[in-house]
Amino acid sequence: MLVLDFGNGSGAVAHTLARKSGARVVGVDVAQNSIFPIPAVSYDGRVLPFRDGTFDLVYAVFVVHHCPDVKAVLREVSRVSKGRVLLVEDVWTNRRNKLWLYFFHVLFDLFMLLLTLLGKAKWSSFFRYDFRDEAGWSACFQSLGLRLVQAGDLIMHPRYPVKHRYYLVDKRPVS
């Protein structure tokens, strides 16, 4: 199985997935910060450097909300997938946890800015967020002709005040 980790960052998820599943995982990111031994490719932020239908699965973990054009990114990851795309994102459910979401991400970006200034990392998505609620993600998938196969909550940090949610979408129409 050939899998693409879109926005692979440190490479931790790709490395773990490859090790535990035996899948061949390739990472792609606009900045190469991988500290794990995975094949990683640079990406210009617009067009993925792969042919249509190259990957059995494409996934993006807490990445898509940093992209300047979420729909363009979803079109690209769908293009290089044979069918399925897995997204993991923070999803706000009310005004208060939307504020928490922005607060945590601004803190994270300040930390990444410091690491970048110190030459310890490259971070290019400073203070760029396109967070959505459940209806926002559903509308986005529908507008792109992506079929929602499955969605659910992930509990990664029990006290984190914002929902972590996964979405498995398919670019193929229902048969």
Protein backbone atom coordinates (compact mmCIF):
# COMPACT_ATOMS: atom_id res chain seq x y z
CA MET A 1 0.00 0.00 0.00
CA LEU A 2 1.33 3.43 -0.97
CA VAL A 3 0.28 6.29 1.33
CA LEU A 4 0.87 10.05 1.17
CA ASP A 5 1.28 12.07 4.37
CA PHE A 6 0.26 15.57 3.28
CA GLY A 7 2.03 18.15 5.46
CA ASN A 8 4.25 15.55 7.09
CA GLY A 9 5.98 18.00 9.47
CA SER A 10 8.36 16.06 11.71
CA GLY A 11 7.50 12.79 9.96
CA ALA A 12 6.40 11.15 13.23
CA VAL A 13 2.99 10.03 11.96
CA ALA A 14 4.39 8.70 8.67
CA HIS A 15 7.22 6.87 10.44
CA THR A 16 4.85 5.26 12.94
CA LEU A 17 2.34 4.26 10.26
CA ALA A 18 5.05 2.72 8.06
CA ARG A 19 6.60 0.85 10.96
CA LYS A 20 3.33 -0.51 12.35
CA SER A 21 1.44 -1.25 9.12
CA GLY A 22 4.15 -2.06 6.62
CA ALA A 23 2.71 0.57 4.25
CA ARG A 24 5.10 2.59 2.11
CA VAL A 25 4.57 6.17 3.29
CA VAL A 26 5.82 9.25 1.45
CA GLY A 27 5.72 12.69 3.06
CA VAL A 28 5.12 15.99 1.33
CA ASP A 29 5.40 19.46 2.85
CA VAL A 30 6.18 23.06 1.94
CA ALA A 31 8.98 23.04 4.54
CA GLN A 32 11.19 20.05 5.21
CA ASN A 33 11.23 19.55 8.98
CA SER A 34 11.24 15.77 9.02
CA ILE A 35 13.39 14.32 11.78
CA PHE A 36 12.33 10.73 11.05
CA PRO A 37 13.75 8.61 8.24
CA ILE A 38 10.88 8.79 5.75
CA PRO A 39 10.96 9.66 2.07
CA ALA A 40 9.87 13.30 1.89
CA VAL A 41 9.22 15.55 -1.09
CA SER A 42 9.07 19.35 -1.23
CA TYR A 43 5.79 20.91 -2.34
CA ASP A 44 5.29 24.38 -3.79
CA GLY A 45 1.99 24.87 -1.95
CA ARG A 46 -0.06 24.66 -5.15
CA VAL A 47 0.49 21.52 -7.22
CA LEU A 48 1.48 18.19 -5.71
CA PRO A 49 4.40 16.67 -7.64
CA PHE A 50 2.65 13.34 -8.25
CA ARG A 51 0.55 11.82 -11.04
CA ASP A 52 -3.21 11.42 -10.73
CA GLY A 53 -4.21 8.39 -8.64
CA THR A 54 -0.69 7.64 -7.38
CA PHE A 55 -1.63 6.85 -3.75
CA ASP A 56 -3.93 4.26 -2.22
CA LEU A 57 -4.62 6.69 0.62
CA VAL A 58 -3.77 10.32 1.32
CA TYR A 59 -4.02 11.72 4.83
CA ALA A 60 -3.54 15.12 6.44
CA VAL A 61 -3.34 15.47 10.22
CA PHE A 62 -4.01 18.99 11.60
CA VAL A 63 -2.67 20.56 8.39
CA VAL A 64 -5.41 21.65 6.02
CA HIS A 65 -6.57 24.56 8.19
CA HIS A 66 -3.13 26.19 7.64
CA CYS A 67 -3.50 26.25 3.85
CA PRO A 68 -4.46 29.52 2.14
CA ASP A 69 -7.01 27.73 -0.09
CA VAL A 70 -8.51 24.67 1.60
CA LYS A 71 -10.61 23.72 -1.42
CA ALA A 72 -7.62 23.85 -3.79
CA VAL A 73 -5.66 21.61 -1.39
CA LEU A 74 -8.51 19.13 -1.13
CA ARG A 75 -8.75 19.05 -4.94
CA GLU A 76 -5.03 18.28 -5.15
CA VAL A 77 -4.97 15.56 -2.48
CA SER A 78 -8.04 14.00 -4.10
CA ARG A 79 -6.36 14.13 -7.50
CA VAL A 80 -3.31 12.14 -6.34
CA SER A 81 -5.44 9.66 -4.38
CA LYS A 82 -6.94 6.59 -5.99
CA GLY A 83 -10.05 7.37 -3.99
CA ARG A 84 -9.85 8.03 -0.29
CA VAL A 85 -8.57 10.94 1.74
CA LEU A 86 -8.40 11.01 5.55
CA LEU A 87 -8.43 14.39 7.30
CA VAL A 88 -7.93 15.02 11.00
CA GLU A 89 -8.84 18.53 12.08
CA ASP A 90 -9.88 20.63 15.05
CA VAL A 91 -13.59 21.43 14.79
CA TRP A 92 -15.19 24.19 16.81
CA THR A 93 -18.72 23.77 18.15
CA ASN A 94 -19.38 27.12 19.81
CA ARG A 95 -17.91 30.60 20.08
CA ARG A 96 -15.99 29.85 23.27
CA ASN A 97 -14.14 26.83 21.95
CA LYS A 98 -13.52 28.63 18.66
CA LEU A 99 -11.68 31.27 20.71
CA TRP A 100 -9.73 28.51 22.51
CA LEU A 101 -8.81 27.05 19.13
CA TYR A 102 -7.36 30.34 17.92
CA PHE A 103 -5.62 30.94 21.25
CA PHE A 104 -3.83 27.56 21.19
CA HIS A 105 -2.83 27.95 17.55
CA VAL A 106 -1.47 31.46 18.04
CA LEU A 107 0.64 30.15 20.95
CA PHE A 108 1.87 27.27 18.78
CA ASP A 109 2.74 29.65 15.94
CA LEU A 110 4.66 31.92 18.34
CA PHE A 111 6.64 28.87 19.47
CA MET A 112 7.30 27.85 15.84
CA LEU A 113 8.31 31.42 15.01
CA LEU A 114 10.88 31.30 17.79
CA LEU A 115 12.23 27.94 16.53
CA THR A 116 12.37 29.31 12.99
CA LEU A 117 14.25 32.43 14.10
CA LEU A 118 16.71 30.21 15.98
CA GLY A 119 17.22 28.10 12.85
CA LYS A 120 15.81 24.96 14.52
CA ALA A 121 12.78 24.59 12.24
CA LYS A 122 11.16 26.01 9.14
CA TRP A 123 7.56 27.09 9.57
CA SER A 124 5.77 28.94 6.80
CA SER A 125 2.15 28.95 7.93
CA PHE A 126 2.31 31.65 10.55
CA PHE A 127 -1.06 32.84 11.79
CA ARG A 128 -3.00 31.36 8.87
CA TYR A 129 -6.10 29.48 9.97
CA ASP A 130 -9.24 28.28 8.24
CA PHE A 131 -11.03 26.50 11.06
CA ARG A 132 -14.50 25.15 10.41
CA ASP A 133 -17.40 23.71 12.29
CA GLU A 134 -19.10 20.45 11.31
CA ALA A 135 -21.43 22.17 8.84
CA GLY A 136 -18.48 24.02 7.29
CA TRP A 137 -16.58 20.80 6.60
CA SER A 138 -19.68 19.06 5.24
CA ALA A 139 -20.38 21.97 2.88
CA CYS A 140 -16.75 22.01 1.75
CA PHE A 141 -16.74 18.29 0.92
CA GLN A 142 -20.08 18.53 -0.85
CA SER A 143 -18.97 21.51 -2.96
CA LEU A 144 -15.99 19.48 -4.18
CA GLY A 145 -18.03 16.36 -4.94
CA LEU A 146 -16.33 14.42 -2.14
CA ARG A 147 -18.46 11.75 -0.51
CA LEU A 148 -18.20 11.54 3.28
CA VAL A 149 -17.62 7.86 4.07
CA GLN A 150 -17.09 8.14 7.82
CA ALA A 151 -16.49 10.77 10.49
CA GLY A 152 -15.91 10.63 14.19
CA ASP A 153 -14.34 12.20 17.23
CA LEU A 154 -10.78 11.48 18.35
CA ILE A 155 -9.78 11.93 21.96
CA MET A 156 -6.09 12.74 21.88
CA HIS A 157 -5.95 15.12 24.83
CA PRO A 158 -8.84 14.55 27.26
CA ARG A 159 -8.83 18.13 28.55
CA TYR A 160 -8.38 19.89 25.21
CA PRO A 161 -11.49 22.10 24.89
CA VAL A 162 -11.93 21.67 21.12
CA LYS A 163 -13.06 18.56 19.27
CA HIS A 164 -10.53 16.60 17.25
CA ARG A 165 -12.45 15.03 14.38
CA TYR A 166 -11.57 12.70 11.53
CA TYR A 167 -13.20 12.66 8.10
CA LEU A 168 -12.77 9.88 5.60
CA VAL A 169 -13.89 11.10 2.19
CA ASP A 170 -13.96 9.44 -1.20
CA LYS A 171 -13.75 11.13 -4.56
CA ARG A 172 -15.67 8.31 -6.22
CA PRO A 173 -19.45 8.69 -6.47
CA VAL A 174 -21.75 6.28 -4.69
CA SER A 175 -22.28 3.26 -6.96
